[in-house]
């Protein structure tokens, strides 16, 4: 039963972390910026594919941080691209780039789990 909760945590936690991209795609489409909407939707799809293709239970001996970094890269690249579209003329301004520091909590699982693997946590 404990594995089911962990699997749901990975799946729905990842989906929750990516949901903003889908919502932002709708906002960008409503603003008339179809390129940004398509980009946000594509990032969302790539993130979903990553969650499906690289769950930690399929790679039980790979440290969580190595698996989680891929999802983080997708989220951070999407955030930078969306900031570029949201502030088209002023992206080089440091005040807008400081917004990226709000993404720091995304790194906490890397520090919490560290070198632990799926098989370390779910020993039978």
Protein backbone atom coordinates (compact mmCIF):
# COMPACT_ATOMS: atom_id res chain seq x y z
CA UNK A 1 0.00 0.00 0.00
CA UNK A 2 2.89 2.36 0.72
CA UNK A 3 4.14 2.02 -2.87
CA UNK A 4 0.75 3.02 -4.23
CA UNK A 5 0.91 6.29 -2.29
CA UNK A 6 4.45 6.99 -3.50
CA UNK A 7 3.46 6.29 -7.09
CA UNK A 8 0.47 8.59 -6.79
CA UNK A 9 2.73 11.24 -5.24
CA UNK A 10 5.13 11.14 -8.19
CA UNK A 11 2.35 11.14 -10.76
CA UNK A 12 0.00 13.73 -9.29
CA UNK A 13 2.79 15.85 -7.82
CA UNK A 14 4.42 16.05 -11.23
CA UNK A 15 1.09 16.83 -12.85
CA UNK A 16 0.49 19.59 -10.30
CA UNK A 17 3.93 21.03 -10.98
CA UNK A 18 3.17 21.15 -14.70
CA UNK A 19 -0.42 22.35 -14.58
CA UNK A 20 0.56 26.01 -14.62
CA UNK A 21 1.92 25.52 -18.14
CA UNK A 22 -1.46 24.36 -19.41
CA UNK A 23 -3.21 27.29 -17.70
CA UNK A 24 -0.67 29.75 -19.04
CA UNK A 25 -1.19 28.33 -22.54
CA UNK A 26 -4.86 29.26 -22.24
CA UNK A 27 -4.01 32.75 -20.99
CA UNK A 28 -1.53 33.32 -23.79
CA UNK A 29 -4.05 32.09 -26.34
CA UNK A 30 -6.64 34.51 -24.92
CA UNK A 31 -4.08 37.34 -25.21
CA UNK A 32 -3.58 36.47 -28.88
CA UNK A 33 -0.05 35.12 -28.51
CA UNK A 34 -0.45 31.76 -30.20
CA UNK A 35 3.31 31.06 -30.36
CA UNK A 36 3.61 31.33 -26.57
CA UNK A 37 0.46 29.23 -26.12
CA UNK A 38 1.83 26.48 -28.34
CA UNK A 39 5.18 26.59 -26.53
CA UNK A 40 3.52 26.33 -23.11
CA UNK A 41 1.33 23.46 -24.30
CA UNK A 42 4.36 21.66 -25.76
CA UNK A 43 6.28 22.05 -22.48
CA UNK A 44 3.25 20.62 -20.66
CA UNK A 45 3.13 17.59 -22.99
CA UNK A 46 6.90 17.01 -22.68
CA UNK A 47 6.57 17.16 -18.89
CA UNK A 48 3.71 14.66 -18.89
CA UNK A 49 5.72 12.33 -21.13
CA UNK A 50 8.67 12.61 -18.75
CA UNK A 51 6.49 11.69 -15.77
CA UNK A 52 5.15 8.67 -17.65
CA UNK A 53 8.45 7.49 -19.16
CA UNK A 54 10.78 8.05 -16.20
CA UNK A 55 8.99 7.15 -12.97
CA UNK A 56 11.34 6.15 -10.14
CA UNK A 57 9.84 2.66 -9.76
CA UNK A 58 10.93 1.75 -13.31
CA UNK A 59 14.50 2.64 -12.33
CA UNK A 60 14.69 1.36 -8.74
CA UNK A 61 18.47 1.69 -8.37
CA UNK A 62 18.85 5.20 -9.82
CA UNK A 63 19.00 7.99 -7.19
CA UNK A 64 15.88 10.13 -7.02
CA UNK A 65 17.85 13.30 -7.65
CA UNK A 66 18.99 12.03 -11.06
CA UNK A 67 15.42 11.27 -12.09
CA UNK A 68 13.99 14.47 -10.63
CA UNK A 69 16.55 16.72 -12.33
CA UNK A 70 15.01 15.98 -15.74
CA UNK A 71 11.61 17.19 -14.57
CA UNK A 72 13.22 20.27 -13.02
CA UNK A 73 14.97 21.13 -16.28
CA UNK A 74 11.65 21.02 -18.14
CA UNK A 75 9.97 23.27 -15.55
CA UNK A 76 12.81 25.80 -15.38
CA UNK A 77 13.27 26.07 -19.14
CA UNK A 78 9.50 26.51 -19.49
CA UNK A 79 9.54 29.24 -16.84
CA UNK A 80 12.34 31.14 -18.59
CA UNK A 81 10.64 30.87 -21.99
CA UNK A 82 7.30 31.96 -20.56
CA UNK A 83 8.93 34.93 -18.79
CA UNK A 84 10.39 35.90 -22.14
CA UNK A 85 6.92 35.84 -23.72
CA UNK A 86 5.21 37.53 -20.76
CA UNK A 87 7.71 40.44 -20.65
CA UNK A 88 8.70 40.68 -24.32
CA UNK A 89 10.55 44.00 -24.29
CA UNK A 90 12.01 43.92 -20.81
CA UNK A 91 13.25 40.35 -20.36
CA UNK A 92 16.83 41.45 -19.85
CA UNK A 93 15.78 43.42 -16.76
CA UNK A 94 17.09 41.83 -13.55
CA UNK A 95 13.81 42.51 -11.73
CA UNK A 96 12.04 40.04 -14.02
CA UNK A 97 14.79 37.46 -13.75
CA UNK A 98 14.51 37.58 -9.95
CA UNK A 99 11.14 35.92 -10.39
CA UNK A 100 13.02 32.70 -11.10
CA UNK A 101 14.16 32.59 -7.47
CA UNK A 102 10.59 31.65 -6.57
CA UNK A 103 11.37 28.29 -8.15
CA UNK A 104 13.80 27.42 -5.33
CA UNK A 105 11.32 25.13 -3.49
CA UNK A 106 11.37 22.87 -6.55
CA UNK A 107 14.92 21.89 -5.58
CA UNK A 108 14.00 20.70 -2.08
CA UNK A 109 13.34 17.05 -3.08
CA UNK A 110 16.88 16.85 -4.46
CA UNK A 111 18.26 17.78 -1.03
CA UNK A 112 15.75 15.74 0.95
CA UNK A 113 16.10 12.47 -0.96
CA UNK A 114 19.67 12.92 -2.13
CA UNK A 115 21.21 9.56 -3.01
CA UNK A 116 18.19 7.49 -1.96
CA UNK A 117 16.70 5.21 -4.56
CA UNK A 118 13.28 3.64 -4.97
CA UNK A 119 14.64 0.30 -3.77
CA UNK A 120 16.14 1.96 -0.66
CA UNK A 121 12.80 3.40 0.36
CA UNK A 122 10.59 0.44 -0.61
CA UNK A 123 12.41 -2.62 0.63
CA UNK A 124 10.30 -5.71 0.89
